């Protein structure tokens, strides 16, 4: 790859500089559309079905539909081991397990079921109905590794998650039957821990990891352990809903954080081009990693702020790659990493030492030309930016269903429509399952009730700002009371104490 190839097609991943592609802070895989159920289904495939590609899932669903239709039409026997006839199994898939379609999918015929057990993910839950779906489960895996202090810790949690996602004796009767029944209709793939490709995981250096105050992936790792420990306190369906709620918030917060970090990194490099910028690892670390950002405000509109972060990321991606390619083109390449405070400080030093050469090669004019040409992409009107917004909107937003009677299907949302009009804005408002999940995670390890301030701190760890004094009066306070998760106390802040939703929350506090 060369500077000219980058200038011609700056958004192609293969045209990105090698140092940029290898960065632990790169947004990989590139997010697109994904509902919460797509995240869970893809996670099943990533962690336990190594031979199943994302692109094969839609065709597997169509093949199963054809198989069922053939058996029903010819009144043939079910596969060996199946307990249901083809007609009954078809009713289970399209009734008991069916997941509502979006309004724009009402005329499309495809199999879409709730990912209660792993085997269902072999033929349902793909991000696209074509063969080029993005691997949403790989994003979750990358979050686990980036949010863990070292490879051994990450792998231990990954194995713990694999065991929890599998169906065993501790699962309820329906889940055990469903997994067994589903496997009899497609016995080609077995559930086993998939190898983790070293090239698809990333870590921060220890000094950066310990020094970062705000990092959604670190909070996600803690919350994932809390959700795993809660599994035995509820049914399988309830537990997967709890997992979905945590996954959808953490994934969007993580991607937004990466956008923020890259924008801040580019600001450092731009300052270096002007002769300034951080001069040491500590200074660089404080510049590139945000302390307490506010990505969303509870009750406020969400997508405009996320659009700004996505736009900042796109501008940073252009700038960082243009700078790295310009250095290589001038014969003064940078050989270090760009995902640590130490690496960024060295790059800034390298840029300051070669400012004259970069200026002579016209880097500013080149950047201005590319930005002008790619204005629509930078404004998130198309391409990567539009995909990032679509990801955030569908992962966080309450499912809009083609059948109005099923509009309450999704209860783990983070955003909901403010009104019934299609043009109504999306505002930050937690659904009941999301409230349960976050209260449980906020109290995990606490050993008893805590002030409502604890929930505010937990939301802030994902970039959601909520005034604890408003909780008693807004819909979050209403949800907490309806779910029995608070105790009104005049001695507590805002007059409310959080209560553990599951017995395991108290038990975890005792253990620690």
Foldseek 3Di string as FASTA:
>chain_A
DALVVCLVPVPDPVLFDPLQLQALLHPPPQFFFAALQLLVLLLLCQFWFVPQDLLCQLVVQVVLVVVLVVCVVVVHAAFPQAPDRSVVVVCCQCPVFADFDAQVCPPPDTGAGRPLARLVSSHYSRRDSHRDTGRSSLLLLQLLQALDLHDVNSVVLSVLVLVLRHDDPLADPVRVNVVSNSCSSPVPTDTDGDDDDPSSYDYAHNVLSVPFQFALSNLLNLLSVLLSLCSSQDHSVLSSLLVSLSVLLSSLLRVLQSLQLLLQLLVQLVVLLVVDHDQALVRLSPRRHDNQAAQAEAFAFHLVSSLVSLLSSVLSSSRVRLVQSLCVVLVNHDDFHSHGSHSSNVVSVSCNVCSVVSVVVPSVVSSVVSCVVCVCVSSLVDDSSVRSSSHSCNHAEQRRGSDPVCSVVRQSHQWYFPDDDPPGGIGGDGGLSSLLSLLLSLLALVQWKDACVSSQVSVSSSNYHYDSLCLCPDVNVVSCVVLVQWDQAPVGVNRIIGGRNGPSSNVRNVVD
